[in-house]
């Protein structure tokens, strides 16, 4: 376990990780869309 993670608060930690993962996925999707737009401009 990492610092601040206990068996008592594992659900809170899990929810934090899931929220962070969703935010990262959304950011990656946005960046991917921007790359597609930029590629269209070059053609």
PDB file of N, CA and C in Angstrom:
ATOM      1  N   UNK A   1       0.827  -1.194   0.000  1.00  0.00           N
ATOM      2  CA  UNK A   1       0.000   0.000   0.000  1.00  0.00           C
ATOM      3  C   UNK A   1       0.869   1.255   0.000  1.00  0.00           C
ATOM      4  N   UNK A   2       0.298   2.308  -0.565  1.00  0.00           N
ATOM      5  CA  UNK A   2       0.997   3.584  -0.597  1.00  0.00           C
ATOM      6  C   UNK A   2       0.639   4.408   0.632  1.00  0.00           C
ATOM      7  N   UNK A   3       1.350   5.487   0.790  1.00  0.00           N
ATOM      8  CA  UNK A   3       1.121   6.384   1.916  1.00  0.00           C
ATOM      9  C   UNK A   3      -0.323   6.900   1.894  1.00  0.00           C
ATOM     10  N   UNK A   4      -1.033   6.791   3.002  1.00  0.00           N
ATOM     11  CA  UNK A   4      -2.401   7.272   3.094  1.00  0.00           C
ATOM     12  C   UNK A   4      -3.450   6.246   2.723  1.00  0.00           C
ATOM     13  N   UNK A   5      -3.036   5.087   2.230  1.00  0.00           N
ATOM     14  CA  UNK A   5      -3.979   4.040   1.873  1.00  0.00           C
ATOM     15  C   UNK A   5      -4.096   3.046   3.019  1.00  0.00           C
ATOM     16  N   UNK A   6      -5.317   2.830   3.460  1.00  0.00           N
ATOM     17  CA  UNK A   6      -5.564   1.837   4.500  1.00  0.00           C
ATOM     18  C   UNK A   6      -6.728   0.962   4.055  1.00  0.00           C
ATOM     19  N   UNK A   7      -6.927  -0.125   4.760  1.00  0.00           N
ATOM     20  CA  UNK A   7      -8.054  -0.985   4.429  1.00  0.00           C
ATOM     21  C   UNK A   7      -9.385  -0.283   4.736  1.00  0.00           C
ATOM     22  N   UNK A   8      -9.343   0.662   5.663  1.00  0.00           N
ATOM     23  CA  UNK A   8     -10.566   1.363   6.032  1.00  0.00           C
ATOM     24  C   UNK A   8     -11.005   2.366   4.964  1.00  0.00           C
ATOM     25  N   UNK A   9     -10.049   2.950   4.249  1.00  0.00           N
ATOM     26  CA  UNK A   9     -10.423   3.972   3.263  1.00  0.00           C
ATOM     27  C   UNK A   9     -10.178   3.520   1.820  1.00  0.00           C
ATOM     28  N   UNK A  10     -10.132   2.236   1.603  1.00  0.00           N
ATOM     29  CA  UNK A  10      -9.798   1.770   0.255  1.00  0.00           C
ATOM     30  C   UNK A  10     -10.847   2.172  -0.773  1.00  0.00           C
ATOM     31  N   UNK A  11     -12.119   2.259  -0.377  1.00  0.00           N
ATOM     32  CA  UNK A  11     -13.153   2.670  -1.333  1.00  0.00           C
ATOM     33  C   UNK A  11     -12.942   4.125  -1.762  1.00  0.00           C
ATOM     34  N   UNK A  12     -12.581   4.982  -0.812  1.00  0.00           N
ATOM     35  CA  UNK A  12     -12.302   6.380  -1.166  1.00  0.00           C
ATOM     36  C   UNK A  12     -11.101   6.472  -2.100  1.00  0.00           C
ATOM     37  N   UNK A  13     -10.062   5.722  -1.800  1.00  0.00           N
ATOM     38  CA  UNK A  13      -8.858   5.730  -2.633  1.00  0.00           C
ATOM     39  C   UNK A  13      -9.189   5.188  -4.019  1.00  0.00           C
ATOM     40  N   UNK A  14      -9.978   4.116  -4.066  1.00  0.00           N
ATOM     41  CA  UNK A  14     -10.376   3.538  -5.349  1.00  0.00           C
ATOM     42  C   UNK A  14     -11.176   4.547  -6.168  1.00  0.00           C
ATOM     43  N   UNK A  15     -12.097   5.240  -5.537  1.00  0.00           N
ATOM     44  CA  UNK A  15     -12.881   6.259  -6.248  1.00  0.00           C
ATOM     45  C   UNK A  15     -11.997   7.383  -6.764  1.00  0.00           C
ATOM     46  N   UNK A  16     -10.995   7.763  -5.982  1.00  0.00           N
ATOM     47  CA  UNK A  16     -10.071   8.806  -6.436  1.00  0.00           C
ATOM     48  C   UNK A  16      -9.289   8.339  -7.655  1.00  0.00           C
ATOM     49  N   UNK A  17      -8.814   7.094  -7.623  1.00  0.00           N
ATOM     50  CA  UNK A  17      -8.081   6.555  -8.770  1.00  0.00           C
ATOM     51  C   UNK A  17      -8.980   6.484  -9.998  1.00  0.00           C
ATOM     52  N   UNK A  18     -10.216   6.046  -9.813  1.00  0.00           N
ATOM     53  CA  UNK A  18     -11.132   5.943 -10.949  1.00  0.00           C
ATOM     54  C   UNK A  18     -11.448   7.309 -11.536  1.00  0.00           C
ATOM     55  N   UNK A  19     -11.634   8.298 -10.669  1.00  0.00           N
ATOM     56  CA  UNK A  19     -11.894   9.659 -11.150  1.00  0.00           C
ATOM     57  C   UNK A  19     -10.696  10.199 -11.918  1.00  0.00           C
ATOM     58  N   UNK A  20      -9.512   9.963 -11.404  1.00  0.00           N
ATOM     59  CA  UNK A  20      -8.303  10.420 -12.083  1.00  0.00           C
ATOM     60  C   UNK A  20      -8.154   9.732 -13.437  1.00  0.00           C
ATOM     61  N   UNK A  21      -8.460   8.448 -13.488  1.00  0.00           N
ATOM     62  CA  UNK A  21      -8.361   7.698 -14.740  1.00  0.00           C
ATOM     63  C   UNK A  21      -9.339   8.238 -15.771  1.00  0.00           C
ATOM     64  N   UNK A  22     -10.568   8.503 -15.359  1.00  0.00           N
ATOM     65  CA  UNK A  22     -11.556   9.055 -16.281  1.00  0.00           C
ATOM     66  C   UNK A  22     -11.116  10.425 -16.800  1.00  0.00           C
ATOM     67  N   UNK A  23     -10.564  11.249 -15.928  1.00  0.00           N
ATOM     68  CA  UNK A  23     -10.093  12.571 -16.345  1.00  0.00           C
ATOM     69  C   UNK A  23      -8.954  12.442 -17.353  1.00  0.00           C
ATOM     70  N   UNK A  24      -8.042  11.514 -17.103  1.00  0.00           N
ATOM     71  CA  UNK A  24      -6.917  11.305 -18.032  1.00  0.00           C
ATOM     72  C   UNK A  24      -7.424  10.800 -19.379  1.00  0.00           C
ATOM     73  N   UNK A  25      -8.383   9.881 -19.362  1.00  0.00           N
ATOM     74  CA  UNK A  25      -8.935   9.363 -20.617  1.00  0.00           C
ATOM     75  C   UNK A  25      -9.616  10.468 -21.408  1.00  0.00           C
ATOM     76  N   UNK A  26     -10.359  11.319 -20.727  1.00  0.00           N
ATOM     77  CA  UNK A  26     -11.030  12.427 -21.409  1.00  0.00           C
ATOM     78  C   UNK A  26     -10.007  13.379 -22.025  1.00  0.00           C
ATOM     79  N   UNK A  27      -8.928  13.635 -21.291  1.00  0.00           N
ATOM     80  CA  UNK A  27      -7.881  14.523 -21.803  1.00  0.00           C
ATOM     81  C   UNK A  27      -7.212  13.904 -23.031  1.00  0.00           C
ATOM     82  N   UNK A  28      -6.928  12.622 -22.977  1.00  0.00           N
ATOM     83  CA  UNK A  28      -6.307  11.926 -24.111  1.00  0.00           C
ATOM     84  C   UNK A  28      -7.226  11.974 -25.322  1.00  0.00           C
ATOM     85  N   UNK A  29      -8.535  11.750 -25.112  1.00  0.00           N
ATOM     86  CA  UNK A  29      -9.485  11.813 -26.221  1.00  0.00           C
ATOM     87  C   UNK A  29      -9.501  13.207 -26.853  1.00  0.00           C
ATOM     88  N   UNK A  30      -9.454  14.241 -26.010  1.00  0.00           N
ATOM     89  CA  UNK A  30      -9.445  15.609 -26.522  1.00  0.00           C
ATOM     90  C   UNK A  30      -8.187  15.871 -27.342  1.00  0.00           C
ATOM     91  N   UNK A  31      -7.052  15.424 -26.830  1.00  0.00           N
ATOM     92  CA  UNK A  31      -5.801  15.607 -27.561  1.00  0.00           C
ATOM     93  C   UNK A  31      -5.808  14.836 -28.877  1.00  0.00           C
ATOM     94  N   UNK A  32      -6.373  13.634 -28.881  1.00  0.00           N
ATOM     95  CA  UNK A  32      -6.452  12.835 -30.092  1.00  0.00           C
ATOM     96  C   UNK A  32      -7.305  13.554 -31.145  1.00  0.00           C
ATOM     97  N   UNK A  33      -8.425  14.147 -30.696  1.00  0.00           N
ATOM     98  CA  UNK A  33      -9.260  14.907 -31.623  1.00  0.00           C
ATOM     99  C   UNK A  33      -8.512  16.110 -32.183  1.00  0.00           C
ATOM    100  N   UNK A  34      -7.724  16.772 -31.362  1.00  0.00           N
ATOM    101  CA  UNK A  34      -6.927  17.906 -31.839  1.00  0.00           C
ATOM    102  C   UNK A  34      -5.909  17.458 -32.877  1.00  0.00           C
ATOM    103  N   UNK A  35      -5.280  16.316 -32.649  1.00  0.00           N
ATOM    104  CA  UNK A  35      -4.299  15.793 -33.610  1.00  0.00           C
ATOM    105  C   UNK A  35      -4.983  15.498 -34.939  1.00  0.00           C
ATOM    106  N   UNK A  36      -6.170  14.919 -34.885  1.00  0.00           N
ATOM    107  CA  UNK A  36      -6.904  14.636 -36.117  1.00  0.00           C
ATOM    108  C   UNK A  36      -7.229  15.928 -36.863  1.00  0.00           C
ATOM    109  N   UNK A  37      -7.613  16.961 -36.116  1.00  0.00           N
ATOM    110  CA  UNK A  37      -7.924  18.253 -36.755  1.00  0.00           C
ATOM    111  C   UNK A  37      -6.672  18.837 -37.403  1.00  0.00           C
ATOM    112  N   UNK A  38      -5.553  18.756 -36.750  1.00  0.00           N
ATOM    113  CA  UNK A  38      -4.307  19.289 -37.285  1.00  0.00           C
ATOM    114  C   UNK A  38      -3.893  18.521 -38.541  1.00  0.00           C
ATOM    115  N   UNK A  39      -4.060  17.208 -38.520  1.00  0.00           N
ATOM    116  CA  UNK A  39      -3.721  16.418 -39.705  1.00  0.00           C
ATOM    117  C   UNK A  39      -4.586  16.799 -40.894  1.00  0.00           C
ATOM    118  N   UNK A  40      -5.857  17.116 -40.633  1.00  0.00           N
ATOM    119  CA  UNK A  40      -6.751  17.536 -41.726  1.00  0.00           C
ATOM    120  C   UNK A  40      -6.294  18.864 -42.315  1.00  0.00           C
ATOM    121  N   UNK A  41      -5.749  19.740 -41.492  1.00  0.00           N
ATOM    122  CA  UNK A  41      -5.311  21.039 -41.984  1.00  0.00           C
ATOM    123  C   UNK A  41      -4.110  20.916 -42.921  1.00  0.00           C
ATOM    124  N   UNK A  42      -3.264  19.934 -42.682  1.00  0.00           N
ATOM    125  CA  UNK A  42      -2.049  19.764 -43.499  1.00  0.00           C
ATOM    126  C   UNK A  42      -2.375  19.256 -44.896  1.00  0.00           C
ATOM    127  N   UNK A  43      -3.486  18.577 -45.055  1.00  0.00           N
ATOM    128  CA  UNK A  43      -3.809  17.956 -46.347  1.00  0.00           C
ATOM    129  C   UNK A  43      -4.358  18.936 -47.327  1.00  0.00           C
TER     130      UNK A  43
END
